[in-house]
Amino acid sequence: MRGLNPEELTRCFHTNGSIFPQIISAFRREIYHYHRTNPRPMPWRETDDPYRILVSEIMLQQTQVERVRLKYAEFLSAFPSVENLAAAPLSDVLQLWQGLGYNRRAVALQRCAGEIVTRWGGQFPTSIDGLQSLPGIGPYTARAVASFAFGVADPLIETNIRTVCIHFFFHGHEQVSDRQIMPLVAATLDRDNPREWYYALMDYGVMLKHKHPNPGRRSSHHVQQSRFEGSNRQQRSRLVREVLRQPGIISQELCGILSAEAGVVEQNLAALQREGFLEQRGAGYHIVENKKAG
């Protein structure tokens, strides 16, 4: 750890209520040294194209990096631009998304692409406020795209950044909130190079999770992900997959394939219609057409 002592840093920070410039410099040296001597090349780090960065950010939410590597290349081959994605049939988008989980993210991503094309003339807004006005784009994603694509230096928090801050500046503390962490992120931010700085912090956080009991679990925002196998979320995912495979399939057939109670299947089918995934034509279910997906 090159001499940085989390216990001492925590004591100093909480005694003084701020971080001394020399500590900020030492902290940055530590983070950058690890990042530059332990590179983690990823295709989305090799571009400043906001569309490609947005695709990667949406895919990476609660999805393993190695799985995203494969899908990222496949997705961009099929939909190489925001215009291509906006114009594509939703069924094609969902088909490519299979294996990443959380199908609603694919729907939100396409809706976002449609708004960029229709409202912004195909050009991404460059401000955080503009990005966050897009459908499905929250505070973190807006700041990540702004930072990685446009070099906007604004504090942001995600799981690995949170892990680093808790490890070094909240040693022995429990239930640490993002409100407590955000001033640290702002104070230590390399405003001349936010893109590399955030990548470096994220890489360091990944390393910490392997070497220590995950410090991120001491966050008040830490939530243990619920079991997928046998969950309602799994049934919804399987319903979408079966409709993709057999357009026009009826609910009774879906009940048989999923070995599920009719009432539960009907509830999930109704929810998937409300959320813009499915539409019913006669007795059968289909992925919505573009005119209804936006």
Protein backbone atom coordinates (compact mmCIF):
# COMPACT_ATOMS: atom_id res chain seq x y z
CA MET A 1 0.00 0.00 0.00
CA ARG A 2 3.10 2.21 -0.33
CA GLY A 3 2.89 3.51 3.22
CA LEU A 4 -0.62 4.97 3.31
CA ASN A 5 -2.11 4.03 6.66
CA PRO A 6 -5.95 3.97 6.65
CA GLU A 7 -6.13 4.28 10.44
CA GLU A 8 -3.96 7.40 10.46
CA LEU A 9 -5.71 8.94 7.45
CA THR A 10 -9.08 8.36 9.09
CA ARG A 11 -7.95 9.93 12.36
CA CYS A 12 -6.49 12.95 10.56
CA PHE A 13 -9.55 13.49 8.39
CA HIS A 14 -12.06 13.21 11.22
CA THR A 15 -10.00 15.33 13.60
CA ASN A 16 -9.53 18.18 11.14
CA GLY A 17 -12.71 17.83 9.08
CA SER A 18 -10.71 18.15 5.88
CA ILE A 19 -7.75 16.64 4.02
CA PHE A 20 -4.38 18.36 4.00
CA PRO A 21 -2.89 19.03 0.53
CA GLN A 22 0.06 16.73 1.23
CA ILE A 23 -2.33 13.88 2.04
CA ILE A 24 -4.25 14.51 -1.17
CA SER A 25 -0.99 14.35 -3.13
CA ALA A 26 0.08 11.11 -1.43
CA PHE A 27 -3.36 9.60 -1.98
CA ARG A 28 -3.32 10.43 -5.69
CA ARG A 29 0.21 9.03 -6.07
CA GLU A 30 -0.89 5.77 -4.45
CA ILE A 31 -3.97 5.39 -6.63
CA TYR A 32 -2.24 6.34 -9.88
CA HIS A 33 0.77 4.13 -9.14
CA TYR A 34 -1.40 1.07 -8.73
CA HIS A 35 -3.51 1.90 -11.80
CA ARG A 36 -0.52 2.48 -14.07
CA THR A 37 1.41 -0.57 -12.92
CA ASN A 38 -1.64 -2.87 -12.99
CA PRO A 39 -3.50 -1.86 -16.15
CA ARG A 40 -6.97 -3.23 -16.84
CA PRO A 41 -7.50 -2.59 -20.56
CA MET A 42 -11.14 -2.42 -21.56
CA PRO A 43 -12.54 -1.40 -24.96
CA TRP A 44 -14.76 1.34 -23.56
CA ARG A 45 -11.71 2.95 -21.98
CA GLU A 46 -10.15 3.33 -25.42
CA THR A 47 -12.78 5.76 -26.70
CA ASP A 48 -14.30 9.11 -25.83
CA ASP A 49 -17.39 8.46 -27.97
CA PRO A 50 -20.32 9.23 -25.63
CA TYR A 51 -22.55 6.62 -27.30
CA ARG A 52 -20.06 3.81 -26.72
CA ILE A 53 -19.41 4.98 -23.18
CA LEU A 54 -23.14 5.12 -22.44
CA VAL A 55 -23.62 1.58 -23.77
CA SER A 56 -20.81 0.32 -21.54
CA GLU A 57 -22.11 2.14 -18.45
CA ILE A 58 -25.61 0.69 -18.85
CA MET A 59 -24.22 -2.80 -19.45
CA LEU A 60 -21.85 -2.65 -16.48
CA GLN A 61 -24.58 -1.98 -13.94
CA GLN A 62 -24.59 -5.10 -11.75
CA THR A 63 -23.11 -7.21 -14.56
CA GLN A 64 -19.70 -8.90 -14.56
CA VAL A 65 -17.03 -7.14 -16.62
CA GLU A 66 -16.04 -10.23 -18.61
CA ARG A 67 -19.61 -10.82 -19.70
CA VAL A 68 -19.89 -7.18 -20.76
CA ARG A 69 -16.70 -7.40 -22.87
CA LEU A 70 -18.33 -9.97 -25.14
CA LYS A 71 -21.74 -8.31 -25.36
CA TYR A 72 -20.30 -4.82 -25.82
CA ALA A 73 -18.54 -5.75 -29.07
CA GLU A 74 -21.56 -7.68 -30.33
CA PHE A 75 -23.97 -4.87 -29.47
CA LEU A 76 -21.89 -2.17 -31.17
CA SER A 77 -21.46 -4.34 -34.25
CA ALA A 78 -25.25 -4.57 -34.55
CA PHE A 79 -25.98 -0.96 -33.49
CA PRO A 80 -22.84 1.08 -34.28
CA SER A 81 -24.42 4.48 -33.69
CA VAL A 82 -27.11 6.12 -31.62
CA GLU A 83 -29.19 6.45 -34.80
CA ASN A 84 -28.92 2.72 -35.50
CA LEU A 85 -30.04 1.86 -31.98
CA ALA A 86 -32.95 4.31 -32.04
CA ALA A 87 -34.24 2.86 -35.33
CA ALA A 88 -33.81 -0.82 -34.47
CA PRO A 89 -36.74 -3.10 -33.65
CA LEU A 90 -36.93 -3.52 -29.88
CA SER A 91 -37.01 -7.29 -30.39
CA ASP A 92 -33.53 -7.10 -32.00
CA VAL A 93 -32.21 -5.01 -29.10
CA LEU A 94 -33.62 -7.39 -26.48
CA GLN A 95 -32.34 -10.42 -28.38
CA LEU A 96 -28.79 -9.09 -28.24
CA TRP A 97 -29.22 -8.11 -24.60
CA GLN A 98 -29.94 -11.69 -23.50
CA GLY A 99 -27.31 -12.85 -21.01
CA LEU A 100 -26.79 -9.41 -19.44
CA GLY A 101 -29.92 -9.49 -17.29
CA TYR A 102 -32.21 -6.60 -16.39
CA ASN A 103 -33.96 -6.31 -19.76
CA ARG A 104 -35.49 -2.99 -18.70
CA ARG A 105 -32.04 -1.43 -19.14
CA ALA A 106 -32.10 -2.35 -22.83
CA VAL A 107 -35.51 -0.70 -23.17
CA ALA A 108 -34.29 2.41 -21.34
CA LEU A 109 -31.12 2.56 -23.45
CA GLN A 110 -33.11 2.48 -26.68
CA ARG A 111 -35.51 5.13 -25.40
CA CYS A 112 -32.52 7.27 -24.48
CA ALA A 113 -31.12 6.82 -28.00
CA GLY A 114 -34.47 7.83 -29.48
CA GLU A 115 -34.56 11.02 -27.45
CA ILE A 116 -30.98 11.93 -28.41
CA VAL A 117 -31.95 11.56 -32.07
CA THR A 118 -35.31 13.36 -31.94
CA ARG A 119 -34.62 16.00 -29.29
CA TRP A 120 -30.89 16.59 -29.69
CA GLY A 121 -30.41 15.93 -33.40
CA GLY A 122 -28.21 12.90 -32.74
CA GLN A 123 -25.71 14.89 -30.67
CA PHE A 124 -25.22 13.99 -27.02
CA PRO A 125 -25.75 16.80 -24.53
CA THR A 126 -22.41 17.60 -22.96
CA SER A 127 -23.63 18.89 -19.61
CA ILE A 128 -24.58 16.77 -16.62
CA ASP A 129 -28.02 18.38 -16.48
CA GLY A 130 -28.58 17.70 -20.17
CA LEU A 131 -27.50 14.08 -19.85
CA GLN A 132 -29.59 13.53 -16.75
CA SER A 133 -32.66 14.84 -18.56
CA LEU A 134 -32.52 11.78 -20.83
CA PRO A 135 -34.81 8.83 -19.99
CA GLY A 136 -33.21 6.22 -17.76
CA ILE A 137 -30.08 8.29 -17.02
CA GLY A 138 -29.48 8.81 -13.31
CA PRO A 139 -26.97 11.01 -11.46
CA TYR A 140 -24.09 8.52 -11.65
CA THR A 141 -24.51 7.63 -15.33
CA ALA A 142 -24.83 11.29 -16.32
CA ARG A 143 -21.61 12.14 -14.49
CA ALA A 144 -19.78 9.09 -15.81
CA VAL A 145 -20.59 9.92 -19.43
CA ALA A 146 -19.75 13.59 -18.86
CA SER A 147 -16.42 12.66 -17.30
CA PHE A 148 -15.30 9.86 -19.62
CA ALA A 149 -16.57 11.41 -22.86
CA PHE A 150 -16.26 15.15 -22.27
CA GLY A 151 -13.72 15.52 -19.45
CA VAL A 152 -16.20 17.14 -17.06
CA ALA A 153 -14.70 17.18 -13.56
CA ASP A 154 -17.60 16.61 -11.20
CA PRO A 155 -17.71 14.37 -8.12
CA LEU A 156 -19.29 10.97 -8.68
CA ILE A 157 -19.68 7.84 -6.58
CA GLU A 158 -20.02 4.22 -7.62
CA THR A 159 -19.31 1.02 -5.74
CA ASN A 160 -15.52 0.89 -6.24
CA ILE A 161 -14.97 4.59 -5.56
CA ARG A 162 -17.07 4.20 -2.43
CA THR A 163 -14.90 1.23 -1.40
CA VAL A 164 -11.66 3.22 -1.72
CA CYS A 165 -12.96 6.16 0.30
CA ILE A 166 -14.31 3.97 3.10
CA HIS A 167 -11.08 1.95 3.24
CA PHE A 168 -8.79 4.95 3.61
CA PHE A 169 -10.90 7.57 5.38
CA PHE A 170 -13.51 5.64 7.38
CA HIS A 171 -11.34 2.96 8.97
CA GLY A 172 -13.41 1.15 11.60
CA HIS A 173 -16.57 3.11 10.76
CA GLU A 174 -19.90 1.46 9.95
CA GLN A 175 -22.94 2.69 8.04
CA VAL A 176 -20.97 5.30 6.10
CA SER A 177 -23.25 7.37 3.85
CA ASP A 178 -22.51 8.77 0.41
CA ARG A 179 -23.22 12.21 1.89
CA GLN A 180 -20.15 11.70 4.09
CA ILE A 181 -18.06 10.38 1.20
CA MET A 182 -18.89 12.99 -1.43
CA PRO A 183 -16.71 15.80 0.08
CA LEU A 184 -13.74 13.41 -0.06
CA VAL A 185 -14.41 12.59 -3.71
CA ALA A 186 -14.58 16.31 -4.48
CA ALA A 187 -11.43 17.17 -2.48
CA THR A 188 -9.28 14.43 -4.01
CA LEU A 189 -10.59 14.70 -7.60
CA ASP A 190 -7.90 15.29 -10.21
CA ARG A 191 -9.72 18.05 -12.05
CA ASP A 192 -7.11 18.14 -14.81
CA ASN A 193 -7.65 14.47 -15.64
CA PRO A 194 -10.99 13.24 -14.25
CA ARG A 195 -11.29 10.44 -16.79
CA GLU A 196 -8.09 8.62 -15.79
CA TRP A 197 -8.55 9.47 -12.11
CA TYR A 198 -11.93 7.78 -11.92
CA TYR A 199 -10.69 4.75 -13.83
CA ALA A 200 -7.76 4.58 -11.40
CA LEU A 201 -10.03 4.78 -8.35
CA MET A 202 -12.28 2.06 -9.75
CA ASP A 203 -9.32 -0.24 -10.39
CA TYR A 204 -8.00 0.33 -6.90
CA GLY A 205 -11.42 -0.45 -5.46
CA VAL A 206 -11.55 -3.76 -7.36
CA MET A 207 -8.16 -4.67 -5.89
CA LEU A 208 -9.28 -3.80 -2.36
CA LYS A 209 -12.29 -6.08 -2.65
CA HIS A 210 -9.96 -8.98 -3.44
CA LYS A 211 -7.45 -8.21 -0.68
CA HIS A 212 -9.73 -7.19 2.18
CA PRO A 213 -13.22 -8.00 3.43
CA ASN A 214 -15.11 -5.69 1.09
CA PRO A 215 -15.00 -2.22 2.72
CA GLY A 216 -18.05 -1.29 0.66
CA ARG A 217 -20.16 -3.45 2.96
CA ARG A 218 -19.65 -0.78 5.62
CA SER A 219 -21.63 1.65 3.46
CA SER A 220 -25.13 2.52 4.58
CA HIS A 221 -26.11 2.01 0.93
CA HIS A 222 -24.83 -1.55 0.70
CA VAL A 223 -27.57 -3.98 -0.30
CA GLN A 224 -27.05 -7.71 -0.67
CA GLN A 225 -28.28 -8.63 -4.13
CA SER A 226 -31.29 -10.89 -3.94
CA ARG A 227 -31.14 -14.44 -5.21
CA PHE A 228 -31.95 -14.63 -8.94
CA GLU A 229 -32.66 -18.35 -9.23
CA GLY A 230 -36.35 -18.97 -8.62
CA SER A 231 -37.13 -15.26 -8.22
CA ASN A 232 -39.88 -13.26 -9.87
CA ARG A 233 -37.13 -11.39 -11.71
CA GLN A 234 -36.02 -14.67 -13.27
CA GLN A 235 -39.58 -15.44 -14.38
CA ARG A 236 -39.90 -12.02 -16.04
CA SER A 237 -36.62 -12.60 -17.85
CA ARG A 238 -37.79 -16.01 -19.04
CA LEU A 239 -41.10 -14.58 -20.24
CA VAL A 240 -39.30 -12.03 -22.40
CA ARG A 241 -36.98 -14.71 -23.74
CA GLU A 242 -39.86 -17.01 -24.68
CA VAL A 243 -41.77 -14.22 -26.42
CA LEU A 244 -38.63 -13.39 -28.38
CA ARG A 245 -38.30 -17.04 -29.32
CA GLN A 246 -41.99 -17.59 -30.12
CA PRO A 247 -43.78 -14.35 -31.09
CA GLY A 248 -47.51 -14.72 -30.57
CA ILE A 249 -47.19 -17.27 -27.77
CA ILE A 250 -50.24 -17.39 -25.47
CA SER A 251 -50.24 -17.23 -21.68
CA GLN A 252 -51.28 -20.87 -21.23
CA GLU A 253 -48.25 -22.01 -23.22
CA LEU A 254 -46.02 -19.74 -21.16
CA CYS A 255 -47.38 -21.24 -17.94
CA GLY A 256 -46.49 -24.70 -19.20
CA ILE A 257 -42.98 -23.77 -20.34
CA LEU A 258 -42.21 -21.96 -17.08
CA SER A 259 -44.06 -24.48 -14.85
CA ALA A 260 -45.62 -21.47 -13.14
CA GLU A 261 -49.03 -20.60 -11.74
CA ALA A 262 -51.32 -18.84 -14.18
CA GLY A 263 -52.03 -15.94 -11.81
CA VAL A 264 -48.36 -15.10 -11.35
CA VAL A 265 -47.64 -15.34 -15.07
CA GLU A 266 -50.61 -13.10 -15.88
CA GLN A 267 -49.42 -10.50 -13.36
CA ASN A 268 -45.94 -10.46 -14.86
CA LEU A 269 -47.27 -10.28 -18.42
CA ALA A 270 -49.41 -7.29 -17.43
CA ALA A 271 -46.42 -5.60 -15.78
CA LEU A 272 -44.25 -6.20 -18.85
CA GLN A 273 -46.92 -4.58 -21.01
CA ARG A 274 -47.09 -1.52 -18.75
CA GLU A 275 -43.30 -1.18 -18.82
CA GLY A 276 -43.11 -1.21 -22.62
CA PHE A 277 -41.73 -4.69 -23.23
CA LEU A 278 -44.75 -6.61 -24.52
CA GLU A 279 -48.02 -6.05 -26.30
CA GLN A 280 -50.94 -8.40 -26.70
CA ARG A 281 -52.43 -9.04 -30.13
CA GLY A 282 -55.46 -11.23 -29.81
CA ALA A 283 -54.51 -14.00 -27.40
CA GLY A 284 -50.80 -13.86 -28.20
CA TYR A 285 -47.91 -11.79 -26.85
CA HIS A 286 -45.28 -9.95 -28.89
CA ILE A 287 -42.37 -7.62 -28.21
CA VAL A 288 -43.65 -4.08 -28.74
CA GLU A 289 -43.07 -2.46 -32.07
CA ASN A 290 -41.01 0.72 -32.27
CA LYS A 291 -44.04 2.97 -32.46
CA LYS A 292 -45.07 1.79 -28.98
CA ALA A 293 -41.63 1.45 -27.42
CA GLY A 294 -40.62 5.08 -27.25
